[in-house]
Amino acid sequence: MVGVQSKPAKASRFSRPEIRHMEMLLREGKDLSDPNFHQKLADEFNCAPGRVESKTIQMEQVQRWFLNRLKFHKTEDATSRSSSKEVSPDGEESLTINAVQSSNLPEENGEKVSEEVEMEFEARSSRDMAFDGFGPEEDEWINVRKGVRERSIPMESSECWKIKEGDIVLCFREKDEAANYFDAHVMQVERKMHDIRGCRCIYLVRYDHDQTEERVHLSRLCRRP
């Protein structure tokens, strides 16, 4: 697989909850061109408990995310679905990360799927095997068959019983100032009573890419569809 050469990004990557929040604001049609809005959102992200010890988000990152996403939607409206597909130099059909994340359901049996029905995808980087955190400045070629799949589902406290030993999950991992999602196998489940904070169960997971193990709470896990 031939990749596009780019320098590793020094800025902090957006977490999955942050991306979901920005996508919601994008759908609501907020005043996305206002720098004050970008700064306020960056401050909000940096004050969140999950980012206190992580690298801070800059206002320019938020601004760039919205500008690129708006630019992509305009391009998508002006072109056909097939024009978003490209062929990599080795002949394998590939998509850029941004195109994959915004893809809709394909046509089946010659009939168009309802415009109200959308499917979200996630793509795995061949550089660090992470499934999340791609920005416009980090585009790379990916193999559609091997590196793209239906997006994993965040877990609610009431759903902790759905995760069992041996299951494959997507686990949020913070290490060396990087926060990414990786595939992992559940090795052990320690069931605990829930309290006002929600599920307190502890899951021992083993990351597939480096075989390291870690005990995590449900809030860091997403299940496969």
C-alpha atoms as a PDB file:
ATOM      1  CA  MET A   1       0.000   0.000   0.000  1.00  0.00           C
ATOM      2  CA  VAL A   2       1.500   3.350  -1.015  1.00  0.00           C
ATOM      3  CA  GLY A   3       0.973   6.167   1.469  1.00  0.00           C
ATOM      4  CA  VAL A   4       0.955   9.908   1.082  1.00  0.00           C
ATOM      5  CA  GLN A   5       4.055  11.303   2.743  1.00  0.00           C
ATOM      6  CA  SER A   6       3.265  13.815   5.459  1.00  0.00           C
ATOM      7  CA  LYS A   7       4.907  15.066   8.623  1.00  0.00           C
ATOM      8  CA  PRO A   8       3.479  13.703  11.886  1.00  0.00           C
ATOM      9  CA  ALA A   9       1.099  16.192  13.429  1.00  0.00           C
ATOM     10  CA  LYS A  10       2.396  17.832  16.618  1.00  0.00           C
ATOM     11  CA  ALA A  11      -0.997  19.134  17.654  1.00  0.00           C
ATOM     12  CA  SER A  12      -3.298  17.167  19.889  1.00  0.00           C
ATOM     13  CA  ARG A  13      -5.892  15.023  18.166  1.00  0.00           C
ATOM     14  CA  PHE A  14      -9.609  15.356  18.776  1.00  0.00           C
ATOM     15  CA  SER A  15     -11.177  12.607  20.842  1.00  0.00           C
ATOM     16  CA  ARG A  16     -14.210  10.685  19.602  1.00  0.00           C
ATOM     17  CA  PRO A  17     -16.662  12.572  21.937  1.00  0.00           C
ATOM     18  CA  GLU A  18     -15.228  15.899  20.737  1.00  0.00           C
ATOM     19  CA  ILE A  19     -15.699  14.915  17.088  1.00  0.00           C
ATOM     20  CA  ARG A  20     -19.272  13.782  17.761  1.00  0.00           C
ATOM     21  CA  HIS A  21     -20.009  17.134  19.445  1.00  0.00           C
ATOM     22  CA  MET A  22     -18.610  19.108  16.502  1.00  0.00           C
ATOM     23  CA  GLU A  23     -20.566  16.986  14.031  1.00  0.00           C
ATOM     24  CA  MET A  24     -23.735  17.763  16.000  1.00  0.00           C
ATOM     25  CA  LEU A  25     -22.976  21.510  15.868  1.00  0.00           C
ATOM     26  CA  LEU A  26     -22.325  21.169  12.136  1.00  0.00           C
ATOM     27  CA  ARG A  27     -25.744  19.592  11.608  1.00  0.00           C
ATOM     28  CA  GLU A  28     -27.423  22.296  13.715  1.00  0.00           C
ATOM     29  CA  GLY A  29     -26.021  24.997  11.421  1.00  0.00           C
ATOM     30  CA  LYS A  30     -24.353  27.152  14.053  1.00  0.00           C
ATOM     31  CA  ASP A  31     -22.356  30.256  13.059  1.00  0.00           C
ATOM     32  CA  LEU A  32     -19.309  28.156  12.227  1.00  0.00           C
ATOM     33  CA  SER A  33     -17.267  31.025  10.734  1.00  0.00           C
ATOM     34  CA  ASP A  34     -17.106  33.058  13.961  1.00  0.00           C
ATOM     35  CA  PRO A  35     -13.603  32.913  15.569  1.00  0.00           C
ATOM     36  CA  ASN A  36     -15.195  33.538  18.973  1.00  0.00           C
ATOM     37  CA  PHE A  37     -17.225  30.354  18.490  1.00  0.00           C
ATOM     38  CA  HIS A  38     -14.044  28.393  17.673  1.00  0.00           C
ATOM     39  CA  GLN A  39     -12.227  29.775  20.729  1.00  0.00           C
ATOM     40  CA  LYS A  40     -15.153  29.042  23.036  1.00  0.00           C
ATOM     41  CA  LEU A  41     -15.360  25.473  21.775  1.00  0.00           C
ATOM     42  CA  ALA A  42     -11.593  24.952  22.185  1.00  0.00           C
ATOM     43  CA  ASP A  43     -11.812  26.249  25.774  1.00  0.00           C
ATOM     44  CA  GLU A  44     -14.733  23.912  26.429  1.00  0.00           C
ATOM     45  CA  PHE A  45     -12.759  20.895  25.181  1.00  0.00           C
ATOM     46  CA  ASN A  46      -9.665  21.834  27.201  1.00  0.00           C
ATOM     47  CA  CYS A  47     -11.687  22.127  30.419  1.00  0.00           C
ATOM     48  CA  ALA A  48     -13.222  18.664  30.009  1.00  0.00           C
ATOM     49  CA  PRO A  49     -12.024  16.045  32.558  1.00  0.00           C
ATOM     50  CA  GLY A  50     -10.697  13.733  29.867  1.00  0.00           C
ATOM     51  CA  ARG A  51      -8.284  16.357  28.487  1.00  0.00           C
ATOM     52  CA  VAL A  52      -6.936  17.935  31.669  1.00  0.00           C
ATOM     53  CA  GLU A  53      -3.683  15.959  31.462  1.00  0.00           C
ATOM     54  CA  SER A  54      -3.581  15.772  27.651  1.00  0.00           C
ATOM     55  CA  LYS A  55      -2.234  18.201  25.111  1.00  0.00           C
ATOM     56  CA  THR A  56      -4.532  21.209  24.710  1.00  0.00           C
ATOM     57  CA  ILE A  57      -6.677  21.883  21.658  1.00  0.00           C
ATOM     58  CA  GLN A  58      -5.911  25.124  19.822  1.00  0.00           C
ATOM     59  CA  MET A  59      -8.555  27.463  18.432  1.00  0.00           C
ATOM     60  CA  GLU A  60      -6.984  27.116  14.971  1.00  0.00           C
ATOM     61  CA  GLN A  61      -7.522  23.337  15.079  1.00  0.00           C
ATOM     62  CA  VAL A  62     -11.244  23.780  15.721  1.00  0.00           C
ATOM     63  CA  GLN A  63     -11.484  26.413  12.988  1.00  0.00           C
ATOM     64  CA  ARG A  64      -9.608  24.209  10.498  1.00  0.00           C
ATOM     65  CA  TRP A  65     -11.813  21.189  11.312  1.00  0.00           C
ATOM     66  CA  PHE A  66     -15.027  23.085  10.520  1.00  0.00           C
ATOM     67  CA  LEU A  67     -13.606  24.757   7.405  1.00  0.00           C
ATOM     68  CA  ASN A  68     -12.446  21.439   5.965  1.00  0.00           C
ATOM     69  CA  ARG A  69     -15.680  19.688   6.830  1.00  0.00           C
ATOM     70  CA  LEU A  70     -17.774  22.463   5.227  1.00  0.00           C
ATOM     71  CA  LYS A  71     -15.530  22.407   2.156  1.00  0.00           C
ATOM     72  CA  PHE A  72     -15.971  18.643   1.885  1.00  0.00           C
ATOM     73  CA  HIS A  73     -19.773  18.847   2.089  1.00  0.00           C
ATOM     74  CA  LYS A  74     -19.842  21.476  -0.669  1.00  0.00           C
ATOM     75  CA  THR A  75     -17.668  19.273  -2.866  1.00  0.00           C
ATOM     76  CA  GLU A  76     -19.799  16.232  -2.085  1.00  0.00           C
ATOM     77  CA  ASP A  77     -22.960  18.052  -3.171  1.00  0.00           C
ATOM     78  CA  ALA A  78     -21.369  19.130  -6.464  1.00  0.00           C
ATOM     79  CA  THR A  79     -19.957  15.756  -7.470  1.00  0.00           C
ATOM     80  CA  SER A  80     -21.246  12.229  -7.848  1.00  0.00           C
ATOM     81  CA  ARG A  81     -20.546   9.492  -5.352  1.00  0.00           C
ATOM     82  CA  SER A  82     -18.133   7.801  -7.735  1.00  0.00           C
ATOM     83  CA  SER A  83     -15.936  10.870  -8.010  1.00  0.00           C
ATOM     84  CA  SER A  84     -14.964  10.522  -4.343  1.00  0.00           C
ATOM     85  CA  LYS A  85     -13.299   7.181  -5.124  1.00  0.00           C
ATOM     86  CA  GLU A  86      -9.677   7.223  -6.188  1.00  0.00           C
ATOM     87  CA  VAL A  87      -7.221   4.560  -7.248  1.00  0.00           C
ATOM     88  CA  SER A  88      -3.893   4.373  -5.423  1.00  0.00           C
ATOM     89  CA  PRO A  89      -0.663   3.943  -7.409  1.00  0.00           C
ATOM     90  CA  ASP A  90      -0.642   0.175  -6.803  1.00  0.00           C
ATOM     91  CA  GLY A  91      -4.070  -0.191  -8.402  1.00  0.00           C
ATOM     92  CA  GLU A  92      -6.090  -0.953  -5.243  1.00  0.00           C
ATOM     93  CA  GLU A  93      -9.308   0.957  -4.784  1.00  0.00           C
ATOM     94  CA  SER A  94      -8.894   3.385  -1.895  1.00  0.00           C
ATOM     95  CA  LEU A  95     -10.585   6.342  -0.288  1.00  0.00           C
ATOM     96  CA  THR A  96      -9.131   9.242   1.614  1.00  0.00           C
ATOM     97  CA  ILE A  97      -9.937   9.186   5.324  1.00  0.00           C
ATOM     98  CA  ASN A  98     -12.202  12.236   5.133  1.00  0.00           C
ATOM     99  CA  ALA A  99     -14.278  10.734   2.306  1.00  0.00           C
ATOM    100  CA  VAL A 100     -14.729   7.460   4.158  1.00  0.00           C
ATOM    101  CA  GLN A 101     -15.925   9.105   7.369  1.00  0.00           C
ATOM    102  CA  SER A 102     -18.691  10.973   5.552  1.00  0.00           C
ATOM    103  CA  SER A 103     -19.864   8.216   3.212  1.00  0.00           C
ATOM    104  CA  ASN A 104     -23.545   7.351   2.977  1.00  0.00           C
ATOM    105  CA  LEU A 105     -25.040   3.939   2.339  1.00  0.00           C
ATOM    106  CA  PRO A 106     -24.415   2.681  -1.227  1.00  0.00           C
ATOM    107  CA  GLU A 107     -27.183   1.880  -3.656  1.00  0.00           C
ATOM    108  CA  GLU A 108     -28.445  -1.685  -3.507  1.00  0.00           C
ATOM    109  CA  ASN A 109     -30.197  -3.596  -6.305  1.00  0.00           C
ATOM    110  CA  GLY A 110     -30.494  -0.413  -8.348  1.00  0.00           C
ATOM    111  CA  GLU A 111     -32.682   1.266  -5.726  1.00  0.00           C
ATOM    112  CA  LYS A 112     -31.570   4.321  -3.811  1.00  0.00           C
ATOM    113  CA  VAL A 113     -31.406   4.050  -0.041  1.00  0.00           C
ATOM    114  CA  SER A 114     -33.482   6.655   1.792  1.00  0.00           C
ATOM    115  CA  GLU A 115     -31.574   9.900   2.294  1.00  0.00           C
ATOM    116  CA  GLU A 116     -32.571   9.856   5.960  1.00  0.00           C
ATOM    117  CA  VAL A 117     -30.625   6.638   6.563  1.00  0.00           C
ATOM    118  CA  GLU A 118     -26.897   7.128   7.031  1.00  0.00           C
ATOM    119  CA  MET A 119     -24.085   4.824   8.049  1.00  0.00           C
ATOM    120  CA  GLU A 120     -20.895   5.967   9.751  1.00  0.00           C
ATOM    121  CA  PHE A 121     -17.540   4.331   9.164  1.00  0.00           C
ATOM    122  CA  GLU A 122     -14.200   4.240  10.917  1.00  0.00           C
ATOM    123  CA  ALA A 123     -10.814   3.745   9.268  1.00  0.00           C
ATOM    124  CA  ARG A 124      -7.565   2.296  10.609  1.00  0.00           C
ATOM    125  CA  SER A 125      -4.245   4.029  10.053  1.00  0.00           C
ATOM    126  CA  SER A 126      -1.447   1.811   8.779  1.00  0.00           C
ATOM    127  CA  ARG A 127       1.056   3.975  10.663  1.00  0.00           C
ATOM    128  CA  ASP A 128      -0.069   3.355  14.253  1.00  0.00           C
ATOM    129  CA  MET A 129      -3.045   0.968  13.802  1.00  0.00           C
ATOM    130  CA  ALA A 130      -5.342   3.539  15.458  1.00  0.00           C
ATOM    131  CA  PHE A 131      -8.995   3.769  14.444  1.00  0.00           C
ATOM    132  CA  ASP A 132      -9.583   7.417  15.324  1.00  0.00           C
ATOM    133  CA  GLY A 133      -8.078  10.882  15.343  1.00  0.00           C
ATOM    134  CA  PHE A 134      -7.449  11.617  11.668  1.00  0.00           C
ATOM    135  CA  GLY A 135      -7.289  15.258  10.678  1.00  0.00           C
ATOM    136  CA  PRO A 136      -7.241  16.889   7.227  1.00  0.00           C
ATOM    137  CA  GLU A 137      -3.472  17.356   7.504  1.00  0.00           C
ATOM    138  CA  GLU A 138      -3.005  13.614   8.129  1.00  0.00           C
ATOM    139  CA  ASP A 139      -4.701  12.109   5.069  1.00  0.00           C
ATOM    140  CA  GLU A 140      -3.271   8.803   3.902  1.00  0.00           C
ATOM    141  CA  TRP A 141      -4.176   6.050   1.484  1.00  0.00           C
ATOM    142  CA  ILE A 142      -6.032   3.155   3.076  1.00  0.00           C
ATOM    143  CA  ASN A 143      -7.239  -0.202   1.823  1.00  0.00           C
ATOM    144  CA  VAL A 144     -11.041  -0.066   1.722  1.00  0.00           C
ATOM    145  CA  ARG A 145     -11.421  -3.823   2.173  1.00  0.00           C
ATOM    146  CA  LYS A 146      -9.024  -4.168   5.107  1.00  0.00           C
ATOM    147  CA  GLY A 147      -8.974  -0.765   6.791  1.00  0.00           C
ATOM    148  CA  VAL A 148     -12.587   0.450   6.739  1.00  0.00           C
ATOM    149  CA  ARG A 149     -15.536  -0.871   8.712  1.00  0.00           C
ATOM    150  CA  GLU A 150     -18.833   0.212  10.227  1.00  0.00           C
ATOM    151  CA  ARG A 151     -18.283   2.586  13.121  1.00  0.00           C
ATOM    152  CA  SER A 152     -18.090   1.112  16.632  1.00  0.00           C
ATOM    153  CA  ILE A 153     -20.847   1.937  19.124  1.00  0.00           C
ATOM    154  CA  PRO A 154     -20.212   3.851  22.398  1.00  0.00           C
ATOM    155  CA  MET A 155     -21.489   2.066  25.500  1.00  0.00           C
ATOM    156  CA  GLU A 156     -24.088   3.236  28.012  1.00  0.00           C
ATOM    157  CA  SER A 157     -23.858   2.234  31.683  1.00  0.00           C
ATOM    158  CA  SER A 158     -26.955   0.064  31.345  1.00  0.00           C
ATOM    159  CA  GLU A 159     -25.289  -1.920  28.536  1.00  0.00           C
ATOM    160  CA  CYS A 160     -22.243  -3.165  30.440  1.00  0.00           C
ATOM    161  CA  TRP A 161     -23.668  -6.695  30.467  1.00  0.00           C
ATOM    162  CA  LYS A 162     -23.251  -6.851  26.680  1.00  0.00           C
ATOM    163  CA  ILE A 163     -19.455  -7.023  26.948  1.00  0.00           C
ATOM    164  CA  LYS A 164     -18.140 -10.467  27.841  1.00  0.00           C
ATOM    165  CA  GLU A 165     -14.773 -12.193  28.026  1.00  0.00           C
ATOM    166  CA  GLY A 166     -13.377 -12.881  24.567  1.00  0.00           C
ATOM    167  CA  ASP A 167     -15.239 -10.006  22.884  1.00  0.00           C
ATOM    168  CA  ILE A 168     -13.452  -7.648  20.496  1.00  0.00           C
ATOM    169  CA  VAL A 169     -13.904  -4.001  21.494  1.00  0.00           C
ATOM    170  CA  LEU A 170     -12.569  -0.601  20.491  1.00  0.00           C
ATOM    171  CA  CYS A 171     -10.719   0.855  23.482  1.00  0.00           C
ATOM    172  CA  PHE A 172      -9.713   4.482  24.080  1.00  0.00           C
ATOM    173  CA  ARG A 173      -6.047   4.719  25.088  1.00  0.00           C
ATOM    174  CA  GLU A 174      -4.006   7.713  26.244  1.00  0.00           C
ATOM    175  CA  LYS A 175      -0.231   7.320  26.083  1.00  0.00           C
ATOM    176  CA  ASP A 176       2.718   9.634  25.426  1.00  0.00           C
ATOM    177  CA  GLU A 177       0.443  12.649  24.844  1.00  0.00           C
ATOM    178  CA  ALA A 178      -1.508  10.726  22.192  1.00  0.00           C
ATOM    179  CA  ALA A 179      -5.120   9.637  22.550  1.00  0.00           C
ATOM    180  CA  ASN A 180      -6.363   7.022  20.097  1.00  0.00           C
ATOM    181  CA  TYR A 181      -8.768   4.112  19.727  1.00  0.00           C
ATOM    182  CA  PHE A 182      -7.384   0.599  19.233  1.00  0.00           C
ATOM    183  CA  ASP A 183      -8.863  -2.852  18.790  1.00  0.00           C
ATOM    184  CA  ALA A 184      -8.577  -4.994  21.908  1.00  0.00           C
ATOM    185  CA  HIS A 185      -9.794  -8.328  23.274  1.00  0.00           C
ATOM    186  CA  VAL A 186     -11.581  -8.507  26.630  1.00  0.00           C
ATOM    187  CA  MET A 187      -9.562 -10.895  28.803  1.00  0.00           C
ATOM    188  CA  GLN A 188     -11.468 -10.561  32.080  1.00  0.00           C
ATOM    189  CA  VAL A 189     -14.585  -8.816  33.415  1.00  0.00           C
ATOM    190  CA  GLU A 190     -14.963  -7.732  37.042  1.00  0.00           C
ATOM    191  CA  ARG A 191     -18.627  -6.942  37.647  1.00  0.00           C
ATOM    192  CA  LYS A 192     -19.337  -4.247  40.250  1.00  0.00           C
ATOM    193  CA  MET A 193     -22.389  -2.482  41.643  1.00  0.00           C
ATOM    194  CA  HIS A 194     -23.342   0.690  39.808  1.00  0.00           C
ATOM    195  CA  ASP A 195     -23.458   3.982  41.688  1.00  0.00           C
ATOM    196  CA  ILE A 196     -24.404   7.584  40.948  1.00  0.00           C
ATOM    197  CA  ARG A 197     -21.484   7.774  38.502  1.00  0.00           C
ATOM    198  CA  GLY A 198     -22.830   4.863  36.484  1.00  0.00           C
ATOM    199  CA  CYS A 199     -21.128   1.559  35.683  1.00  0.00           C
ATOM    200  CA  ARG A 200     -18.144   0.731  37.902  1.00  0.00           C
ATOM    201  CA  CYS A 201     -17.270  -2.600  36.269  1.00  0.00           C
ATOM    202  CA  ILE A 202     -13.620  -3.128  35.373  1.00  0.00           C
ATOM    203  CA  TYR A 203     -12.484  -4.736  32.124  1.00  0.00           C
ATOM    204  CA  LEU A 204      -9.046  -6.226  31.538  1.00  0.00           C
ATOM    205  CA  VAL A 205      -8.269  -5.716  27.841  1.00  0.00           C
ATOM    206  CA  ARG A 206      -5.347  -6.765  25.665  1.00  0.00           C
ATOM    207  CA  TYR A 207      -4.575  -4.456  22.748  1.00  0.00           C
ATOM    208  CA  ASP A 208      -4.266  -6.328  19.462  1.00  0.00           C
ATOM    209  CA  HIS A 209      -1.502  -4.160  17.971  1.00  0.00           C
ATOM    210  CA  ASP A 210       1.083  -4.502  20.769  1.00  0.00           C
ATOM    211  CA  GLN A 211      -0.356  -7.178  23.122  1.00  0.00           C
ATOM    212  CA  THR A 212      -0.177  -4.907  26.178  1.00  0.00           C
ATOM    213  CA  GLU A 213      -2.887  -5.216  28.826  1.00  0.00           C
ATOM    214  CA  GLU A 214      -4.782  -2.559  30.766  1.00  0.00           C
ATOM    215  CA  ARG A 215      -7.721  -2.377  33.190  1.00  0.00           C
ATOM    216  CA  VAL A 216     -10.335   0.108  32.002  1.00  0.00           C
ATOM    217  CA  HIS A 217     -13.867   1.250  32.781  1.00  0.00           C
ATOM    218  CA  LEU A 218     -16.842   1.019  30.430  1.00  0.00           C
ATOM    219  CA  SER A 219     -16.592   4.695  29.436  1.00  0.00           C
ATOM    220  CA  ARG A 220     -13.442   3.903  27.441  1.00  0.00           C
ATOM    221  CA  LEU A 221     -14.978   1.076  25.440  1.00  0.00           C
ATOM    222  CA  CYS A 222     -17.012   0.895  22.239  1.00  0.00           C
ATOM    223  CA  ARG A 223     -18.574  -2.341  21.074  1.00  0.00           C
ATOM    224  CA  ARG A 224     -18.606  -3.694  17.558  1.00  0.00           C
ATOM    225  CA  PRO A 225     -21.958  -3.599  15.668  1.00  0.00           C
END
